[in-house]
């Protein structure tokens, strides 16, 4: 802050007379001396005020600079601490993730080893099964070949027997075996083995009839097919459903072929209880074509 000091100069008064000249000079001298003293005091006072204000400004500036430095240092320390914490936590998370990834990789490697071992065992087992299957297939082919040879031999022998029997008048029409078995849903399976050989050695037509009898009524069982060709042994097989409320006492089988007729009555009685019987006819296998044991 600047201060302007104004000096007041004494204007020269009008010339006095000689008597007053001395007193005038003396008063002027005293007056000017007083003015000079007051002026100096005012200047010193203003200087001291200026110095005081300048010192206060310097102190404020110093405090401001110190505050800025303190703030910068605090911000630097806080930023360093925050960055360190973030870096530490980030590195810790990365380390944990790396450990987890390493564990997962080790587990996957173990799983791959186990899978490889299982696959190796499966391959070895498959090779063994393949070898066993090839051996069984070879054995089946050999057995099939042996059976074919045996069947040809049996057929050749049967032809020889049939020729001999035909030359001696043939074999009359006869029933070799019969059976009736219960099925689910009130159904039954029948089977008859019929034998006949004509004297001329040729095949003949066979017409069978199957009838269910009670005291008053009878029910004819539809056969499929209705006729057969017989030249040696013929097997009649099929299934039928018992009519509701009908309880047969006998079953009659009638056969006609080449002018011969055979009729046989059987008492209606079922055999022993069939275990593990299917619940439906749809679950049954095909009709058994095996020879009936007498």
Protein backbone atom coordinates (compact mmCIF):
# COMPACT_ATOMS: atom_id res chain seq x y z
CA UNK A 1 0.00 0.00 0.00
CA UNK A 2 1.35 3.32 -1.03
CA UNK A 3 0.94 6.48 0.89
CA UNK A 4 1.45 9.99 -0.41
CA UNK A 5 2.92 12.54 1.94
CA UNK A 6 2.03 16.08 1.24
CA UNK A 7 4.33 18.79 2.50
CA UNK A 8 2.85 22.02 3.26
CA UNK A 9 5.02 24.99 2.39
CA UNK A 10 4.60 28.32 4.18
CA UNK A 11 3.66 30.97 1.77
CA UNK A 12 5.75 34.10 2.17
CA UNK A 13 3.74 36.74 3.87
CA UNK A 14 3.78 40.27 2.84
CA UNK A 15 6.79 42.11 3.85
CA UNK A 16 6.30 43.57 7.27
CA UNK A 17 7.85 46.59 8.60
CA UNK A 18 11.31 46.56 10.03
CA UNK A 19 10.12 46.17 13.57
CA UNK A 20 8.02 43.24 12.84
CA UNK A 21 10.56 41.54 10.67
CA UNK A 22 12.42 39.89 13.48
CA UNK A 23 9.34 38.59 15.18
CA UNK A 24 7.97 37.34 11.90
CA UNK A 25 11.06 35.34 11.12
CA UNK A 26 11.04 33.86 14.59
CA UNK A 27 7.43 32.79 14.32
CA UNK A 28 7.95 31.45 10.87
CA UNK A 29 10.92 29.45 11.98
CA UNK A 30 8.97 27.97 14.87
CA UNK A 31 6.00 27.25 12.69
CA UNK A 32 8.01 25.54 10.02
CA UNK A 33 9.89 23.53 12.62
CA UNK A 34 6.62 22.31 14.08
CA UNK A 35 5.29 21.41 10.70
CA UNK A 36 8.40 19.46 9.85
CA UNK A 37 8.17 17.45 13.07
CA UNK A 38 4.54 16.54 12.50
CA UNK A 39 5.23 15.55 8.96
CA UNK A 40 8.05 13.28 9.97
CA UNK A 41 5.92 11.63 12.59
CA UNK A 42 3.16 11.07 10.05
CA UNK A 43 5.59 9.60 7.55
CA UNK A 44 7.10 7.30 10.18
CA UNK A 45 3.63 6.24 11.23
CA UNK A 46 2.59 5.52 7.67
CA UNK A 47 5.84 3.63 7.06
CA UNK A 48 5.31 1.49 10.14
CA UNK A 49 1.73 0.77 9.05
CA UNK A 50 2.97 -0.14 5.58
CA UNK A 51 5.66 -2.39 7.04
CA UNK A 52 3.09 -4.01 9.33
CA UNK A 53 0.68 -4.59 6.44
CA UNK A 54 3.50 -5.91 4.26
CA UNK A 55 4.55 -8.32 7.02
CA UNK A 56 0.94 -9.48 7.45
CA UNK A 57 0.65 -10.07 3.69
CA UNK A 58 3.88 -12.03 3.69
CA UNK A 59 2.64 -14.14 6.63
CA UNK A 60 -0.69 -14.83 4.91
CA UNK A 61 1.14 -15.80 1.74
CA UNK A 62 3.46 -18.07 3.71
CA UNK A 63 0.50 -19.69 5.49
CA UNK A 64 -1.25 -20.17 2.14
CA UNK A 65 1.85 -21.78 0.65
CA UNK A 66 2.20 -24.00 3.73
CA UNK A 67 -1.47 -25.00 3.49
CA UNK A 68 -1.01 -25.87 -0.19
CA UNK A 69 2.08 -27.94 0.59
CA UNK A 70 0.34 -29.72 3.48
CA UNK A 71 -2.67 -30.43 1.27
CA UNK A 72 -0.44 -31.73 -1.51
CA UNK A 73 1.47 -33.94 0.91
CA UNK A 74 -1.75 -35.28 2.45
CA UNK A 75 -3.22 -35.91 -1.02
CA UNK A 76 -0.01 -37.61 -2.10
CA UNK A 77 0.09 -39.79 1.01
CA UNK A 78 -3.63 -40.62 0.71
CA UNK A 79 -3.30 -41.37 -3.01
CA UNK A 80 -0.25 -43.52 -2.38
CA UNK A 81 -2.07 -45.40 0.37
CA UNK A 82 -5.21 -45.82 -1.76
CA UNK A 83 -3.19 -46.96 -4.76
CA UNK A 84 -1.21 -49.35 -2.59
CA UNK A 85 -4.38 -50.82 -1.11
CA UNK A 86 -5.96 -51.19 -4.52
CA UNK A 87 -2.83 -52.74 -5.93
CA UNK A 88 -2.52 -55.03 -2.93
CA UNK A 89 -6.13 -56.19 -3.13
CA UNK A 90 -5.89 -56.55 -6.90
CA UNK A 91 -2.72 -58.60 -6.58
CA UNK A 92 -4.32 -60.65 -3.80
CA UNK A 93 -7.40 -61.33 -5.97
CA UNK A 94 -5.22 -62.23 -8.92
CA UNK A 95 -3.18 -64.55 -6.69
CA UNK A 96 -6.32 -66.22 -5.36
CA UNK A 97 -7.72 -66.55 -8.88
CA UNK A 98 -4.43 -68.00 -10.05
CA UNK A 99 -4.52 -70.51 -7.18
CA UNK A 100 -8.14 -71.44 -8.00
CA UNK A 101 -7.27 -71.76 -11.68
CA UNK A 102 -4.28 -73.92 -10.81
CA UNK A 103 -6.44 -76.17 -8.62
CA UNK A 104 -9.07 -76.44 -11.35
CA UNK A 105 -6.37 -77.27 -13.89
CA UNK A 106 -4.95 -79.95 -11.59
CA UNK A 107 -8.45 -81.39 -11.06
CA UNK A 108 -9.11 -81.37 -14.81
CA UNK A 109 -5.77 -83.07 -15.36
CA UNK A 110 -6.70 -85.72 -12.78
CA UNK A 111 -10.10 -86.17 -14.44
CA UNK A 112 -8.43 -86.50 -17.82
CA UNK A 113 -6.07 -89.13 -16.44
CA UNK A 114 -8.98 -91.03 -14.92
CA UNK A 115 -10.95 -90.73 -18.18
CA UNK A 116 -7.94 -91.88 -20.17
CA UNK A 117 -7.51 -94.84 -17.85
CA UNK A 118 -11.20 -95.72 -18.13
CA UNK A 119 -11.09 -95.35 -21.91
CA UNK A 120 -7.99 -97.55 -22.05
CA UNK A 121 -9.73 -100.20 -19.96
CA UNK A 122 -12.84 -99.95 -22.12
CA UNK A 123 -10.76 -100.34 -25.26
CA UNK A 124 -9.04 -103.39 -23.78
CA UNK A 125 -12.42 -104.81 -22.72
CA UNK A 126 -13.86 -104.11 -26.17
CA UNK A 127 -10.95 -105.91 -27.78
CA UNK A 128 -11.50 -108.89 -25.51
CA UNK A 129 -15.23 -108.87 -26.22
CA UNK A 130 -14.50 -108.61 -29.95
CA UNK A 131 -12.17 -111.55 -29.75
CA UNK A 132 -14.78 -113.52 -27.78
CA UNK A 133 -17.50 -112.54 -30.25
CA UNK A 134 -15.35 -113.57 -33.20
CA UNK A 135 -14.60 -116.87 -31.48
CA UNK A 136 -18.30 -117.42 -30.74
CA UNK A 137 -19.22 -116.48 -34.29
CA UNK A 138 -16.69 -118.94 -35.61
CA UNK A 139 -18.06 -121.60 -33.28
CA UNK A 140 -21.65 -120.80 -34.33
CA UNK A 141 -20.71 -121.07 -37.98
CA UNK A 142 -19.04 -124.40 -37.34
CA UNK A 143 -22.08 -125.60 -35.35
CA UNK A 144 -24.45 -124.36 -38.04
CA UNK A 145 -22.43 -126.13 -40.67
CA UNK A 146 -22.49 -129.31 -38.57
CA UNK A 147 -26.25 -128.99 -38.02
CA UNK A 148 -26.85 -128.46 -41.73
CA UNK A 149 -24.85 -131.57 -42.49
CA UNK A 150 -26.71 -133.49 -39.80
CA UNK A 151 -30.09 -132.26 -41.07
CA UNK A 152 -29.20 -133.37 -44.58
CA UNK A 153 -28.21 -136.74 -43.24
CA UNK A 154 -31.46 -137.02 -41.23
CA UNK A 155 -33.48 -135.88 -44.24
CA UNK A 156 -31.71 -138.43 -46.39
CA UNK A 157 -32.45 -141.13 -43.80
CA UNK A 158 -36.11 -140.01 -43.52
CA UNK A 159 -36.49 -140.14 -47.26
CA UNK A 160 -35.13 -143.67 -47.17
CA UNK A 161 -37.54 -144.67 -44.38
CA UNK A 162 -40.44 -142.97 -46.14
CA UNK A 163 -39.66 -144.85 -49.32
CA UNK A 164 -39.49 -148.16 -47.46
CA UNK A 165 -42.75 -147.41 -45.57
CA UNK A 166 -44.50 -146.36 -48.79
CA UNK A 167 -43.45 -149.58 -50.50
CA UNK A 168 -44.98 -151.50 -47.59
CA UNK A 169 -48.34 -149.69 -47.89
CA UNK A 170 -47.59 -146.39 -46.17
CA UNK A 171 -48.36 -145.06 -42.67
CA UNK A 172 -51.99 -144.49 -41.72
CA UNK A 173 -53.33 -141.13 -40.48
CA UNK A 174 -52.73 -140.80 -36.74
CA UNK A 175 -52.29 -138.29 -33.88
CA UNK A 176 -48.76 -138.31 -32.51
CA UNK A 177 -49.19 -135.68 -29.75
CA UNK A 178 -51.72 -133.13 -28.40
CA UNK A 179 -51.73 -130.24 -25.87
CA UNK A 180 -53.92 -127.37 -24.60
CA UNK A 181 -52.34 -124.60 -22.47
CA UNK A 182 -54.00 -121.56 -20.80
CA UNK A 183 -53.05 -117.99 -21.79
CA UNK A 184 -53.98 -114.54 -20.45
CA UNK A 185 -57.36 -112.92 -21.20
CA UNK A 186 -59.26 -116.28 -21.18
CA UNK A 187 -57.30 -117.52 -24.20
CA UNK A 188 -55.77 -120.94 -24.89
CA UNK A 189 -53.05 -122.36 -27.12
CA UNK A 190 -53.52 -125.73 -28.85
CA UNK A 191 -51.08 -128.00 -30.60
CA UNK A 192 -51.38 -131.31 -32.44
CA UNK A 193 -48.72 -133.39 -34.18
CA UNK A 194 -50.24 -135.46 -37.04
CA UNK A 195 -48.48 -138.25 -38.91
CA UNK A 196 -49.37 -139.86 -42.28
CA UNK A 197 -47.55 -141.29 -45.28
CA UNK A 198 -49.46 -142.36 -48.38
CA UNK A 199 -48.64 -145.54 -50.20
CA UNK A 200 -47.67 -143.59 -53.31
CA UNK A 201 -45.25 -141.39 -51.30
CA UNK A 202 -46.96 -138.13 -52.33
CA UNK A 203 -48.22 -135.28 -50.10
CA UNK A 204 -51.93 -135.27 -49.24
CA UNK A 205 -54.35 -132.55 -48.06
CA UNK A 206 -55.30 -132.66 -44.39
CA UNK A 207 -58.54 -131.06 -43.09
CA UNK A 208 -58.67 -130.78 -39.27
CA UNK A 209 -61.72 -129.80 -37.14
CA UNK A 210 -61.50 -128.83 -33.44
CA UNK A 211 -64.68 -128.74 -31.32
CA UNK A 212 -65.37 -127.88 -27.66
CA UNK A 213 -68.17 -129.89 -26.03
CA UNK A 214 -70.24 -129.62 -22.84
CA UNK A 215 -73.41 -131.49 -21.77
CA UNK A 216 -75.73 -129.67 -24.20
CA UNK A 217 -73.79 -127.45 -26.60
CA UNK A 218 -70.62 -127.41 -28.68
CA UNK A 219 -68.37 -124.68 -30.04
CA UNK A 220 -66.19 -125.16 -33.10
CA UNK A 221 -62.79 -123.55 -32.83
CA UNK A 222 -61.74 -121.67 -36.01
CA UNK A 223 -58.42 -123.00 -37.25
CA UNK A 224 -55.90 -121.08 -39.32
CA UNK A 225 -55.17 -122.32 -41.86
CA UNK A 226 -58.23 -124.43 -42.43
CA UNK A 227 -56.24 -127.15 -44.27
CA UNK A 228 -52.67 -128.48 -44.26
CA UNK A 229 -50.42 -130.57 -46.48
CA UNK A 230 -49.20 -133.76 -44.88
CA UNK A 231 -46.28 -135.91 -46.02
CA UNK A 232 -44.79 -137.57 -42.99
CA UNK A 233 -45.44 -135.29 -39.94
CA UNK A 234 -47.55 -132.09 -39.85
CA UNK A 235 -47.85 -129.76 -36.85
CA UNK A 236 -51.16 -127.98 -36.21
CA UNK A 237 -50.68 -124.90 -33.98
CA UNK A 238 -52.89 -121.98 -32.99
CA UNK A 239 -54.73 -119.97 -30.28
CA UNK A 240 -58.39 -119.29 -29.52
CA UNK A 241 -60.47 -117.36 -26.97
CA UNK A 242 -62.98 -119.26 -24.86
CA UNK A 243 -66.55 -117.91 -25.29
CA UNK A 244 -67.82 -116.08 -22.20
CA UNK A 245 -69.71 -118.41 -19.83
CA UNK A 246 -68.84 -121.57 -21.75
CA UNK A 247 -67.20 -124.36 -19.73
CA UNK A 248 -66.20 -127.32 -21.93
CA UNK A 249 -66.09 -130.87 -20.65
CA UNK A 250 -64.39 -132.41 -23.68
CA UNK A 251 -62.48 -131.40 -26.77
CA UNK A 252 -62.81 -133.31 -30.05
CA UNK A 253 -60.28 -133.39 -32.87
CA UNK A 254 -61.43 -134.66 -36.27
CA UNK A 255 -58.94 -135.34 -39.10
CA UNK A 256 -59.60 -136.17 -42.77
CA UNK A 257 -56.91 -136.91 -45.39
CA UNK A 258 -56.71 -139.17 -48.49
CA UNK A 259 -59.97 -140.92 -47.67
CA UNK A 260 -58.92 -141.59 -44.10
CA UNK A 261 -60.69 -140.11 -41.07
CA UNK A 262 -59.57 -140.02 -37.45
CA UNK A 263 -61.59 -138.70 -34.49
CA UNK A 264 -60.21 -138.31 -30.98
CA UNK A 265 -61.95 -137.12 -27.76
CA UNK A 266 -59.98 -135.57 -24.90
CA UNK A 267 -61.27 -134.71 -21.44
CA UNK A 268 -61.05 -130.97 -20.75
CA UNK A 269 -58.56 -130.65 -17.97
CA UNK A 270 -55.80 -128.15 -17.70
CA UNK A 271 -52.32 -128.97 -16.61
CA UNK A 272 -50.39 -127.49 -13.72
CA UNK A 273 -50.55 -123.73 -13.02
CA UNK A 274 -48.41 -121.71 -15.39
CA UNK A 275 -45.94 -119.48 -13.55
CA UNK A 276 -44.80 -116.07 -14.81
CA UNK A 277 -47.71 -115.81 -17.24
CA UNK A 278 -47.74 -112.53 -19.21
CA UNK A 279 -50.52 -110.06 -18.46
CA UNK A 280 -51.52 -109.61 -22.10
CA UNK A 281 -51.60 -111.62 -25.29
CA UNK A 282 -49.46 -108.93 -26.88
CA UNK A 283 -46.62 -109.90 -24.55
CA UNK A 284 -46.65 -113.53 -25.68
CA UNK A 285 -44.06 -114.94 -28.06
CA UNK A 286 -44.98 -116.74 -31.23
CA UNK A 287 -46.62 -120.16 -31.11
CA UNK A 288 -44.20 -122.90 -30.11
CA UNK A 289 -43.46 -125.18 -33.08
CA UNK A 290 -41.49 -127.72 -31.04
CA UNK A 291 -42.58 -131.37 -31.23
CA UNK A 292 -45.09 -132.35 -28.53
CA UNK A 293 -43.84 -134.91 -26.09
CA UNK A 294 -46.28 -137.82 -25.74
